[in-house]
N, C-alpha and C. Protein backbone atom coordinates (compact mmCIF):
# COMPACT_ATOMS: atom_id res chain seq x y z
N UNK A 1 114.54 57.72 62.94
CA UNK A 1 113.57 58.17 63.93
C UNK A 1 113.62 59.51 64.14
N UNK A 2 112.44 60.25 64.07
CA UNK A 2 112.30 61.78 64.32
C UNK A 2 111.48 61.91 65.65
N UNK A 3 112.21 62.48 66.58
CA UNK A 3 111.38 62.90 67.82
C UNK A 3 111.33 64.35 67.96
N UNK A 4 110.08 64.79 68.03
CA UNK A 4 109.87 66.25 68.16
C UNK A 4 109.85 66.61 69.64
N UNK A 5 110.83 67.40 70.05
CA UNK A 5 110.92 67.86 71.47
C UNK A 5 109.95 69.18 71.49
N UNK A 6 110.06 70.06 70.51
CA UNK A 6 109.08 71.04 70.34
C UNK A 6 108.76 71.32 68.89
N UNK A 7 107.82 72.04 68.61
CA UNK A 7 107.44 72.31 67.15
C UNK A 7 107.16 73.74 66.95
N UNK A 8 107.69 74.35 65.99
CA UNK A 8 107.29 75.76 65.47
C UNK A 8 105.73 75.83 65.10
N UNK A 9 105.29 77.04 65.14
CA UNK A 9 103.98 77.26 64.81
C UNK A 9 103.85 77.06 63.21
N UNK A 10 102.45 76.74 62.79
CA UNK A 10 102.34 76.72 61.42
C UNK A 10 102.64 77.87 60.58
N UNK A 11 103.10 77.60 59.34
CA UNK A 11 103.40 78.61 58.32
C UNK A 11 102.14 78.90 57.51
N UNK A 12 101.80 80.34 57.51
CA UNK A 12 100.63 80.78 56.63
C UNK A 12 101.11 81.61 55.55
N UNK A 13 100.26 81.82 54.61
CA UNK A 13 100.71 82.75 53.34
C UNK A 13 101.05 84.01 53.97
N UNK A 14 100.44 84.51 54.92
CA UNK A 14 100.75 85.88 55.39
C UNK A 14 102.13 85.90 56.17
N UNK A 15 102.72 84.79 56.56
CA UNK A 15 104.04 84.77 57.06
C UNK A 15 105.18 84.78 55.93
N UNK A 16 104.73 84.60 54.70
CA UNK A 16 105.77 84.67 53.53
C UNK A 16 106.27 86.25 53.39
N UNK A 17 107.56 86.56 53.56
CA UNK A 17 107.96 87.83 53.21
C UNK A 17 107.57 88.26 51.70
N UNK A 18 107.21 89.44 51.50
CA UNK A 18 106.62 89.94 50.20
C UNK A 18 107.59 89.79 49.04
N UNK A 19 108.96 89.84 49.41
CA UNK A 19 109.93 89.74 48.51
C UNK A 19 110.03 88.33 47.97
N UNK A 20 109.66 87.47 48.80
CA UNK A 20 109.81 85.96 48.37
C UNK A 20 108.70 85.59 47.21
N UNK A 21 107.69 86.40 47.27
CA UNK A 21 106.58 86.12 46.36
C UNK A 21 107.11 86.31 44.80
N UNK A 22 108.31 86.91 44.66
CA UNK A 22 108.77 86.95 43.21
C UNK A 22 109.55 85.83 42.76
N UNK A 23 109.71 84.73 43.81
CA UNK A 23 110.56 83.68 43.47
C UNK A 23 109.96 82.90 42.27
N UNK A 24 110.71 82.25 41.41
CA UNK A 24 110.29 81.48 40.32
C UNK A 24 109.82 80.15 40.63
N UNK A 25 110.24 79.56 41.71
CA UNK A 25 109.85 78.20 42.26
C UNK A 25 109.63 78.32 43.65
N UNK A 26 108.40 77.66 44.02
CA UNK A 26 108.23 77.39 45.49
C UNK A 26 108.39 75.85 45.84
N UNK A 27 109.22 75.72 46.80
CA UNK A 27 109.29 74.17 47.18
C UNK A 27 108.80 74.16 48.63
N UNK A 28 107.72 73.33 48.72
CA UNK A 28 107.00 73.12 50.05
C UNK A 28 107.63 71.88 50.61
N UNK A 29 108.23 71.98 51.86
CA UNK A 29 108.98 70.95 52.28
C UNK A 29 108.77 70.89 53.89
N UNK A 30 107.57 70.64 54.41
CA UNK A 30 107.38 70.55 55.79
C UNK A 30 108.05 69.55 56.54
N UNK A 31 108.06 69.61 57.88
CA UNK A 31 108.56 68.43 58.73
C UNK A 31 107.32 67.65 59.11
N UNK A 32 106.15 68.45 59.55
CA UNK A 32 104.95 67.77 60.09
C UNK A 32 103.76 68.43 59.90
N UNK A 33 103.33 68.53 58.70
CA UNK A 33 102.03 69.08 58.42
C UNK A 33 101.95 70.63 58.62
N UNK A 34 103.06 71.42 58.81
CA UNK A 34 102.89 72.82 59.20
C UNK A 34 102.43 73.77 58.09
N UNK A 35 102.33 73.36 56.84
CA UNK A 35 101.89 74.08 55.77
C UNK A 35 100.60 73.41 55.29
N UNK A 36 99.55 74.15 55.45
CA UNK A 36 98.15 73.63 55.16
C UNK A 36 97.81 73.78 53.68
N UNK A 37 96.67 73.10 53.36
CA UNK A 37 96.27 73.14 52.02
C UNK A 37 95.75 74.55 51.59
N UNK A 38 95.25 75.32 52.51
CA UNK A 38 94.73 76.71 52.23
C UNK A 38 95.92 77.61 51.75
N UNK A 39 97.20 77.50 52.49
CA UNK A 39 98.39 78.07 52.11
C UNK A 39 98.90 77.62 50.81
N UNK A 40 98.90 76.43 50.64
CA UNK A 40 99.34 75.80 49.37
C UNK A 40 98.55 76.31 48.25
N UNK A 41 97.24 76.42 48.33
CA UNK A 41 96.37 76.92 47.34
C UNK A 41 96.69 78.49 46.87
N UNK A 42 96.87 79.25 47.96
CA UNK A 42 97.29 80.57 47.76
C UNK A 42 98.67 80.85 47.03
N UNK A 43 99.62 79.98 47.38
CA UNK A 43 100.86 80.08 46.68
C UNK A 43 100.76 79.52 45.20
N UNK A 44 99.90 78.53 45.00
CA UNK A 44 99.75 77.90 43.72
C UNK A 44 99.14 79.07 42.85
N UNK A 45 98.32 79.84 43.33
CA UNK A 45 97.53 80.94 42.47
C UNK A 45 98.72 81.88 42.00
N UNK A 46 99.77 82.03 42.43
CA UNK A 46 100.92 82.93 42.00
C UNK A 46 101.46 82.41 40.69
N UNK A 47 101.13 81.24 40.21
CA UNK A 47 101.56 80.73 38.88
C UNK A 47 102.96 80.26 38.61
N UNK A 48 103.74 80.09 39.81
CA UNK A 48 105.06 79.59 39.75
C UNK A 48 105.19 78.08 39.66
N UNK A 49 106.46 77.67 39.41
CA UNK A 49 106.80 76.28 39.54
C UNK A 49 106.62 75.76 40.85
N UNK A 50 105.72 74.69 41.10
CA UNK A 50 105.57 74.27 42.47
C UNK A 50 106.08 72.74 42.66
N UNK A 51 106.83 72.64 43.71
CA UNK A 51 107.28 71.38 44.06
C UNK A 51 107.03 70.98 45.58
N UNK A 52 106.89 69.81 45.97
CA UNK A 52 106.60 69.31 47.34
C UNK A 52 107.31 68.16 47.68
N UNK A 53 107.83 68.09 48.93
CA UNK A 53 108.40 66.82 49.49
C UNK A 53 107.27 66.36 50.45
N UNK A 54 106.81 65.10 50.27
CA UNK A 54 105.80 64.61 50.91
C UNK A 54 106.21 63.90 52.28
N UNK A 55 107.41 64.00 52.60
CA UNK A 55 107.83 63.57 53.86
C UNK A 55 107.25 64.15 55.03
N UNK A 56 106.84 65.27 55.00
CA UNK A 56 106.08 65.95 56.03
C UNK A 56 104.59 65.86 56.15
N UNK A 57 104.13 65.22 55.06
CA UNK A 57 102.59 64.96 54.96
C UNK A 57 102.38 63.52 55.09
N UNK A 58 102.81 62.92 56.28
CA UNK A 58 102.56 61.58 56.73
C UNK A 58 103.80 60.68 56.29
N UNK A 59 104.89 61.15 55.73
CA UNK A 59 106.07 60.34 55.37
C UNK A 59 106.95 60.33 56.60
N UNK A 60 108.30 60.16 56.32
CA UNK A 60 109.27 59.77 57.22
C UNK A 60 109.45 60.78 58.28
N UNK A 61 109.32 62.03 58.13
CA UNK A 61 109.69 63.07 59.15
C UNK A 61 108.36 63.41 59.90
N UNK A 62 107.13 62.96 59.54
CA UNK A 62 106.07 63.25 60.32
C UNK A 62 105.86 62.59 61.60
N UNK A 63 105.30 63.29 62.58
CA UNK A 63 105.19 62.51 63.87
C UNK A 63 104.13 61.50 63.87
N UNK A 64 103.20 61.62 62.98
CA UNK A 64 102.22 60.45 62.86
C UNK A 64 102.01 60.12 61.45
N UNK A 65 101.74 58.82 61.28
CA UNK A 65 101.51 58.45 59.85
C UNK A 65 100.17 57.96 59.56
N UNK A 66 99.70 58.01 58.33
CA UNK A 66 98.21 57.53 58.09
C UNK A 66 98.04 56.04 58.42
N UNK A 67 96.88 55.81 59.18
CA UNK A 67 96.55 54.48 59.48
C UNK A 67 95.95 53.79 58.25
N UNK A 68 95.22 54.67 57.48
CA UNK A 68 94.78 54.06 56.13
C UNK A 68 95.71 54.38 55.18
N UNK A 69 96.24 53.15 54.63
CA UNK A 69 97.41 53.46 53.47
C UNK A 69 96.82 53.62 52.20
N UNK A 70 95.89 54.59 52.06
CA UNK A 70 95.28 54.92 50.69
C UNK A 70 96.03 55.97 50.03
N UNK A 71 96.89 56.87 50.74
CA UNK A 71 97.42 58.07 50.12
C UNK A 71 96.51 59.22 49.82
N UNK A 72 95.35 59.23 50.58
CA UNK A 72 94.37 60.23 50.32
C UNK A 72 94.81 61.71 50.50
N UNK A 73 95.77 61.86 51.56
CA UNK A 73 96.35 63.15 51.79
C UNK A 73 97.25 63.55 50.57
N UNK A 74 98.02 62.69 49.91
CA UNK A 74 98.84 63.03 48.94
C UNK A 74 97.93 63.22 47.67
N UNK A 75 96.88 62.59 47.49
CA UNK A 75 96.01 62.83 46.41
C UNK A 75 95.42 64.18 46.34
N UNK A 76 95.27 64.76 47.60
CA UNK A 76 94.72 66.15 47.69
C UNK A 76 95.98 67.18 47.21
N UNK A 77 97.09 66.88 47.47
CA UNK A 77 98.29 67.67 47.15
C UNK A 77 98.55 67.75 45.77
N UNK A 78 98.52 66.64 45.01
CA UNK A 78 99.14 66.50 43.71
C UNK A 78 98.63 67.54 42.69
N UNK A 79 97.43 67.78 42.57
CA UNK A 79 96.85 68.81 41.64
C UNK A 79 97.63 70.18 41.68
N UNK A 80 98.24 70.49 42.94
CA UNK A 80 98.73 71.80 42.78
C UNK A 80 100.21 71.89 42.65
N UNK A 81 100.80 70.64 42.32
CA UNK A 81 102.32 70.65 42.23
C UNK A 81 102.68 70.15 40.96
N UNK A 82 103.79 70.80 40.28
CA UNK A 82 104.47 70.24 39.11
C UNK A 82 105.17 69.02 39.49
N UNK A 83 105.88 69.08 40.66
CA UNK A 83 106.86 67.98 41.07
C UNK A 83 106.53 67.64 42.40
N UNK A 84 106.43 66.31 42.53
CA UNK A 84 106.06 65.58 43.80
C UNK A 84 107.19 64.66 44.16
N UNK A 85 107.87 65.02 45.08
CA UNK A 85 109.20 64.25 45.51
C UNK A 85 108.83 63.60 46.84
N UNK A 86 109.37 62.27 47.01
CA UNK A 86 109.38 61.60 48.22
C UNK A 86 110.31 60.53 48.20
N UNK A 87 110.69 60.04 49.43
CA UNK A 87 111.65 58.87 49.50
C UNK A 87 110.89 57.56 49.56
N UNK A 88 111.36 56.51 49.19
CA UNK A 88 110.68 55.24 49.35
C UNK A 88 110.21 55.06 50.76
N UNK A 89 111.07 55.55 51.69
CA UNK A 89 110.57 55.47 53.13
C UNK A 89 109.40 56.18 53.37
N UNK A 90 109.24 57.47 52.80
CA UNK A 90 108.06 58.18 52.99
C UNK A 90 106.87 57.28 52.48
N UNK A 91 106.99 56.77 51.28
CA UNK A 91 105.78 56.09 50.66
C UNK A 91 105.49 54.73 51.47
N UNK A 92 106.45 54.22 52.12
CA UNK A 92 106.19 53.15 53.02
C UNK A 92 105.26 53.53 54.10
N UNK A 93 105.45 54.79 54.79
CA UNK A 93 104.57 55.26 55.67
C UNK A 93 103.11 55.54 55.11
N UNK A 94 103.15 56.03 53.93
CA UNK A 94 101.82 56.53 53.35
C UNK A 94 101.11 55.44 52.63
N UNK A 95 101.74 54.56 51.86
CA UNK A 95 101.10 53.47 51.16
C UNK A 95 101.29 52.07 51.72
N UNK A 96 102.41 51.95 52.64
CA UNK A 96 102.80 50.54 52.99
C UNK A 96 103.52 49.88 51.99
N UNK A 97 104.25 50.52 51.04
CA UNK A 97 105.03 49.92 50.01
C UNK A 97 106.62 50.01 50.27
N UNK A 98 107.41 49.42 49.50
CA UNK A 98 108.81 49.43 49.52
C UNK A 98 109.50 49.49 48.28
N UNK A 99 110.79 49.39 48.21
CA UNK A 99 111.51 49.23 47.13
C UNK A 99 110.80 48.28 46.15
N UNK A 100 110.72 48.64 44.83
CA UNK A 100 110.09 47.73 43.91
C UNK A 100 108.71 48.18 43.44
N UNK A 101 108.17 49.00 44.46
CA UNK A 101 106.85 49.46 44.20
C UNK A 101 106.83 50.99 43.71
N UNK A 102 107.92 51.37 43.32
CA UNK A 102 108.07 52.91 42.89
C UNK A 102 107.28 53.22 41.65
N UNK A 103 107.10 52.17 40.76
CA UNK A 103 106.54 52.44 39.45
C UNK A 103 105.10 52.61 39.76
N UNK A 104 104.36 51.77 40.56
CA UNK A 104 102.99 51.89 40.82
C UNK A 104 102.73 53.05 41.57
N UNK A 105 103.54 53.54 42.54
CA UNK A 105 103.22 54.73 43.19
C UNK A 105 103.41 55.92 42.41
N UNK A 106 104.37 55.95 41.49
CA UNK A 106 104.43 57.01 40.48
C UNK A 106 103.21 57.16 39.62
N UNK A 107 102.78 56.17 39.17
CA UNK A 107 101.60 56.14 38.34
C UNK A 107 100.53 56.71 39.01
N UNK A 108 100.36 56.60 40.28
CA UNK A 108 99.25 57.27 41.11
C UNK A 108 99.37 58.69 41.09
N UNK A 109 100.64 59.20 41.55
CA UNK A 109 101.04 60.45 41.64
C UNK A 109 100.76 61.23 40.32
N UNK A 110 101.05 60.76 39.20
CA UNK A 110 100.80 61.35 37.94
C UNK A 110 99.29 61.47 37.61
N UNK A 111 98.59 60.33 37.97
CA UNK A 111 97.16 60.16 37.77
C UNK A 111 96.37 61.13 38.70
N UNK A 112 97.06 61.53 39.77
CA UNK A 112 96.28 62.53 40.61
C UNK A 112 96.61 63.90 40.38
N UNK A 113 97.45 64.23 39.35
CA UNK A 113 97.54 65.48 38.81
C UNK A 113 98.93 66.09 38.83
N UNK A 114 99.99 65.52 39.33
CA UNK A 114 101.21 66.06 39.30
C UNK A 114 101.85 65.71 37.89
N UNK A 115 102.79 66.61 37.53
CA UNK A 115 103.51 66.45 36.11
C UNK A 115 104.66 65.61 36.29
N UNK A 116 105.46 65.54 37.40
CA UNK A 116 106.67 64.78 37.52
C UNK A 116 106.57 64.08 38.99
N UNK A 117 106.89 62.72 39.12
CA UNK A 117 107.04 62.19 40.33
C UNK A 117 108.53 61.78 40.47
N UNK A 118 109.08 62.17 41.58
CA UNK A 118 110.48 61.68 41.94
C UNK A 118 110.49 60.85 43.20
N UNK A 119 111.02 59.79 43.15
CA UNK A 119 111.14 58.83 44.31
C UNK A 119 112.62 58.48 44.53
N UNK A 120 113.21 58.85 45.60
CA UNK A 120 114.50 58.56 46.03
C UNK A 120 114.57 57.10 46.63
N UNK A 121 115.60 56.24 46.24
CA UNK A 121 115.70 54.91 46.66
C UNK A 121 116.97 54.60 47.42
N UNK A 122 117.38 55.54 48.05
CA UNK A 122 118.66 55.31 48.90
C UNK A 122 119.81 54.93 47.88
N UNK A 123 120.50 53.95 48.35
CA UNK A 123 121.74 53.52 47.62
C UNK A 123 121.47 53.11 46.15
N UNK A 124 120.14 52.81 45.95
CA UNK A 124 119.67 52.23 44.67
C UNK A 124 119.31 53.50 43.65
N UNK A 125 119.61 54.63 44.08
CA UNK A 125 119.49 55.77 43.21
C UNK A 125 118.08 56.51 43.33
N UNK A 126 117.34 56.77 42.24
CA UNK A 126 116.07 57.35 42.31
C UNK A 126 115.33 56.92 40.99
N UNK A 127 113.99 57.12 41.07
CA UNK A 127 113.16 56.75 39.98
C UNK A 127 112.37 58.02 39.65
N UNK A 128 112.20 58.39 38.36
CA UNK A 128 111.55 59.51 37.85
C UNK A 128 110.50 59.11 36.89
N UNK A 129 109.23 59.75 37.03
CA UNK A 129 108.23 59.48 35.97
C UNK A 129 107.44 60.82 35.57
N UNK A 130 107.32 61.02 34.36
CA UNK A 130 106.38 61.99 33.70
C UNK A 130 105.36 61.23 33.07
N UNK A 131 104.35 61.76 32.31
CA UNK A 131 103.28 61.11 31.82
C UNK A 131 103.51 59.91 30.91
N UNK A 132 104.53 60.19 30.08
CA UNK A 132 104.73 59.08 29.09
C UNK A 132 106.16 58.44 29.13
N UNK A 133 106.91 58.90 30.20
CA UNK A 133 108.20 58.35 30.25
C UNK A 133 108.64 58.04 31.61
N UNK A 134 109.61 57.21 31.90
CA UNK A 134 110.11 56.95 33.28
C UNK A 134 111.57 56.46 33.12
N UNK A 135 112.24 56.89 34.21
CA UNK A 135 113.71 56.44 34.21
C UNK A 135 114.16 56.07 35.72
N UNK A 136 115.09 55.20 35.67
CA UNK A 136 116.01 54.85 36.76
C UNK A 136 117.14 55.68 36.75
N UNK A 137 117.60 56.45 37.74
CA UNK A 137 118.79 57.18 37.84
C UNK A 137 119.63 56.55 38.86
N UNK A 138 120.76 56.05 38.47
CA UNK A 138 121.62 55.42 39.53
C UNK A 138 122.26 56.40 40.54
N UNK A 139 122.69 55.97 41.75
CA UNK A 139 123.39 56.78 42.65
C UNK A 139 124.75 56.79 42.12
N UNK A 140 125.62 57.88 42.41
CA UNK A 140 127.07 57.78 42.05
C UNK A 140 127.74 56.71 43.00
N UNK A 141 128.61 55.92 42.48
CA UNK A 141 129.09 54.89 43.31
C UNK A 141 130.22 55.25 44.29
N UNK A 142 129.66 55.98 45.31
CA UNK A 142 130.56 56.29 46.33
C UNK A 142 130.91 55.11 47.27
N UNK A 143 132.11 54.87 47.56
CA UNK A 143 132.38 53.69 48.52
C UNK A 143 131.79 53.97 49.93
N UNK A 144 131.31 53.00 50.53
CA UNK A 144 130.66 53.08 51.82
C UNK A 144 131.56 53.83 52.89
N UNK A 145 132.96 53.52 52.75
CA UNK A 145 133.78 54.13 53.66
C UNK A 145 133.96 55.54 53.61
N UNK A 146 133.39 56.14 52.43
CA UNK A 146 133.56 57.71 52.21
C UNK A 146 132.32 58.28 52.45
N UNK A 147 131.04 57.62 52.94
CA UNK A 147 129.92 58.35 53.33
C UNK A 147 130.04 58.64 54.87
N UNK A 148 129.98 60.05 54.99
CA UNK A 148 130.10 60.57 56.42
C UNK A 148 128.86 60.85 56.94
N UNK A 149 127.91 61.42 56.24
CA UNK A 149 126.69 62.07 56.80
C UNK A 149 125.61 62.08 55.81
N UNK A 150 124.50 61.31 56.01
CA UNK A 150 123.44 61.28 55.12
C UNK A 150 122.33 62.29 55.42
N UNK A 151 122.50 63.04 56.50
CA UNK A 151 121.58 64.01 56.99
C UNK A 151 121.44 65.24 55.94
N UNK A 152 120.20 65.34 55.34
CA UNK A 152 119.93 66.47 54.41
C UNK A 152 120.15 65.93 52.99
N UNK A 153 120.41 64.61 52.78
CA UNK A 153 120.58 64.18 51.47
C UNK A 153 119.40 64.35 50.62
N UNK A 154 118.11 64.19 51.15
CA UNK A 154 117.03 64.25 50.39
C UNK A 154 116.78 65.67 50.08
N UNK A 155 117.03 66.61 50.97
CA UNK A 155 116.84 68.00 50.52
C UNK A 155 117.80 68.52 49.56
N UNK A 156 119.05 68.05 49.48
CA UNK A 156 119.99 68.37 48.51
C UNK A 156 119.64 67.89 47.16
N UNK A 157 119.05 66.44 47.29
CA UNK A 157 118.64 65.99 45.99
C UNK A 157 117.67 67.03 45.43
N UNK A 158 116.62 67.44 46.15
CA UNK A 158 115.65 68.38 45.59
C UNK A 158 116.29 69.61 45.09
N UNK A 159 117.34 70.17 45.98
CA UNK A 159 117.87 71.62 45.46
C UNK A 159 118.58 71.28 44.07
N UNK A 160 119.23 70.08 43.94
CA UNK A 160 119.94 69.87 42.85
C UNK A 160 119.06 69.73 41.63
N UNK A 161 117.84 69.14 41.88
CA UNK A 161 116.92 68.89 40.79
C UNK A 161 116.29 70.38 40.34
N UNK A 162 115.91 70.95 41.28
CA UNK A 162 115.14 72.09 40.98
C UNK A 162 116.03 73.25 40.45
N UNK A 163 117.29 73.29 40.85
CA UNK A 163 118.33 74.33 40.28
C UNK A 163 118.39 74.03 38.82
N UNK A 164 118.60 72.78 38.47
CA UNK A 164 118.77 72.44 37.03
C UNK A 164 117.59 72.47 36.07
N UNK A 165 116.51 72.04 36.87
CA UNK A 165 115.19 72.09 36.09
C UNK A 165 114.76 73.50 35.80
N UNK A 166 114.97 74.44 36.67
CA UNK A 166 114.80 75.79 36.45
C UNK A 166 115.39 76.37 35.01
N UNK A 167 116.41 75.77 34.79
CA UNK A 167 117.27 76.41 33.58
C UNK A 167 116.92 75.62 32.37
N UNK A 168 116.50 74.30 32.47
CA UNK A 168 116.38 73.61 31.17
C UNK A 168 114.99 72.83 31.13
N UNK A 169 114.41 72.64 32.22
CA UNK A 169 112.95 71.97 32.08
C UNK A 169 113.01 70.53 31.75
N UNK A 170 114.19 69.93 31.83
CA UNK A 170 114.30 68.67 31.36
C UNK A 170 114.35 67.68 32.73
N UNK A 171 113.35 66.87 32.91
CA UNK A 171 113.31 66.09 34.13
C UNK A 171 114.48 65.07 34.32
N UNK A 172 114.87 64.36 33.18
CA UNK A 172 115.86 63.30 33.32
C UNK A 172 117.25 63.89 33.70
N UNK A 173 117.75 64.89 33.03
CA UNK A 173 119.00 65.61 33.27
C UNK A 173 118.97 66.29 34.67
N UNK A 174 117.83 66.68 34.96
CA UNK A 174 117.75 67.35 36.27
C UNK A 174 117.90 66.31 37.41
N UNK A 175 117.31 65.07 37.21
CA UNK A 175 117.56 63.95 38.14
C UNK A 175 118.97 63.60 38.28
N UNK A 176 119.64 63.53 37.18
CA UNK A 176 120.91 63.18 37.28
C UNK A 176 121.81 64.20 38.07
N UNK A 177 121.52 65.42 37.68
CA UNK A 177 122.20 66.55 38.34
C UNK A 177 121.90 66.42 39.86
N UNK A 178 120.69 66.16 40.15
CA UNK A 178 120.32 65.91 41.68
C UNK A 178 121.04 64.74 42.33
N UNK A 179 121.19 63.60 41.64
CA UNK A 179 122.05 62.53 42.15
C UNK A 179 123.41 62.88 42.38
N UNK A 180 124.00 63.58 41.44
CA UNK A 180 125.36 64.00 41.63
C UNK A 180 125.60 65.00 42.75
N UNK A 181 124.58 66.01 42.86
CA UNK A 181 124.69 66.88 44.05
C UNK A 181 124.74 66.05 45.39
N UNK A 182 123.84 65.15 45.55
CA UNK A 182 123.62 64.40 46.85
C UNK A 182 124.86 63.60 47.01
N UNK A 183 125.65 63.04 45.94
CA UNK A 183 126.85 62.31 46.22
C UNK A 183 127.90 63.14 46.98
N UNK A 184 127.96 64.37 46.70
CA UNK A 184 129.06 65.20 47.32
C UNK A 184 128.60 65.38 48.88
N UNK A 185 127.32 65.69 49.03
CA UNK A 185 126.91 66.19 50.30
C UNK A 185 127.11 65.11 51.39
N UNK A 186 126.74 63.78 50.88
CA UNK A 186 126.95 62.74 51.96
C UNK A 186 128.36 62.39 52.23
N UNK A 187 129.26 62.87 51.56
CA UNK A 187 130.70 62.64 51.74
C UNK A 187 131.32 63.66 52.78
N UNK A 188 130.53 64.55 53.13
CA UNK A 188 130.92 65.73 53.91
C UNK A 188 129.94 65.82 55.14
N UNK A 189 130.32 66.61 56.11
CA UNK A 189 129.39 66.78 57.30
C UNK A 189 129.43 68.18 57.80
N UNK A 190 128.73 68.46 58.87
CA UNK A 190 128.82 69.98 59.22
C UNK A 190 127.60 70.73 59.13
N UNK A 191 126.54 70.10 58.70
CA UNK A 191 125.18 70.89 58.48
C UNK A 191 125.05 71.57 57.26
N UNK A 192 124.42 72.69 57.26
CA UNK A 192 124.01 73.42 56.04
C UNK A 192 125.03 74.51 56.14
N UNK A 193 126.31 74.22 55.56
CA UNK A 193 127.23 75.20 55.32
C UNK A 193 127.85 75.25 53.98
N UNK A 194 128.43 76.36 53.63
CA UNK A 194 128.92 76.44 52.29
C UNK A 194 129.99 75.34 52.06
N UNK A 195 130.90 75.08 52.91
CA UNK A 195 131.92 73.99 52.80
C UNK A 195 131.34 72.70 52.44
N UNK A 196 130.20 72.37 52.77
CA UNK A 196 129.61 71.09 52.51
C UNK A 196 129.01 70.92 51.13
N UNK A 197 128.73 72.07 50.54
CA UNK A 197 127.96 71.99 49.24
C UNK A 197 128.97 72.10 48.11
N UNK A 198 128.71 71.25 47.15
CA UNK A 198 129.55 71.24 45.90
C UNK A 198 129.48 72.33 44.99
N UNK A 199 130.55 72.49 44.30
CA UNK A 199 130.57 73.52 43.23
C UNK A 199 129.83 72.90 41.83
N UNK A 200 129.61 73.96 41.05
CA UNK A 200 128.75 73.56 39.84
C UNK A 200 129.72 72.59 38.95
N UNK A 201 130.97 72.90 38.88
CA UNK A 201 131.88 72.07 37.99
C UNK A 201 131.99 70.66 38.62
N UNK A 202 132.00 70.53 39.87
CA UNK A 202 132.11 69.18 40.58
C UNK A 202 130.70 68.43 40.26
N UNK A 203 129.73 68.98 40.34
CA UNK A 203 128.52 68.41 40.11
C UNK A 203 128.47 67.96 38.63
N UNK A 204 128.85 68.67 37.68
CA UNK A 204 128.78 68.38 36.25
C UNK A 204 129.61 67.21 35.97
N UNK A 205 130.80 67.24 36.71
CA UNK A 205 131.82 65.93 36.43
C UNK A 205 131.08 64.65 36.96
N UNK A 206 130.51 64.63 37.99
CA UNK A 206 129.89 63.41 38.46
C UNK A 206 128.63 63.17 37.67
N UNK A 207 127.90 64.10 37.23
CA UNK A 207 126.75 63.91 36.49
C UNK A 207 127.00 63.11 35.20
N UNK A 208 128.04 63.44 34.54
CA UNK A 208 128.44 62.68 33.27
C UNK A 208 128.74 61.08 33.65
N UNK A 209 129.38 60.89 34.73
CA UNK A 209 129.42 59.55 35.22
C UNK A 209 128.23 58.87 35.53
N UNK A 210 127.27 59.47 36.11
CA UNK A 210 125.87 58.92 36.47
C UNK A 210 125.16 58.72 35.14
N UNK A 211 125.24 59.70 34.23
CA UNK A 211 124.58 59.54 32.91
C UNK A 211 125.09 58.28 32.22
N UNK A 212 126.44 58.10 32.19
CA UNK A 212 126.99 56.91 31.40
C UNK A 212 126.47 55.70 32.12
N UNK A 213 126.45 55.51 33.33
CA UNK A 213 125.92 54.40 34.03
C UNK A 213 124.50 54.08 33.81
N UNK A 214 123.63 55.25 33.81
CA UNK A 214 122.30 55.10 33.51
C UNK A 214 122.03 54.57 31.94
N UNK A 215 122.83 55.00 31.09
CA UNK A 215 122.73 54.53 29.73
C UNK A 215 123.39 53.13 29.52
N UNK A 216 124.01 52.60 30.50
CA UNK A 216 124.57 51.37 30.38
C UNK A 216 125.80 51.22 29.57
């Protein structure tokens, strides 16, 4: 449950520091609709890799959720993004669906214009779809007793995916890398601090385990 005690002002294109405009990837990740379509369109015009987390567009972090479960707000977003990421909880609020419906949801995301659909499934891992391929990526088998803090897991999944995707443009290995990244973060606590974040070598070690599980 998210309760907004106060809310920051909306973020507009003019608020973005000029040095940020040289970034290779733009990740739009609002809490509650604070980045509007006009701003998204202007960022998209820069021609960079575009990714979005739909949690703040009617999903799990939003203060209000769509009454009509058609996904019309997400349909408007998809043409501007290479990567559309959401949790299955987000899609419950947007489409009224749950675990088991990720394939149908991803088909819509791709049909609406996104190149890659990423859906996180909690302990079940994640599901990724591109135009002609789809994959289930298992979560790293972390014992329940070792999970300390799931806060920020979705953001770290996205960070792991985008970091790897930037270098190799491969959706599958990027999703494996993202799953490995998340597995370390949930074993630690303390917010967004360096000590909580895994090193590259640690991620690569667990990524191999996840890849072997995925391949059976």
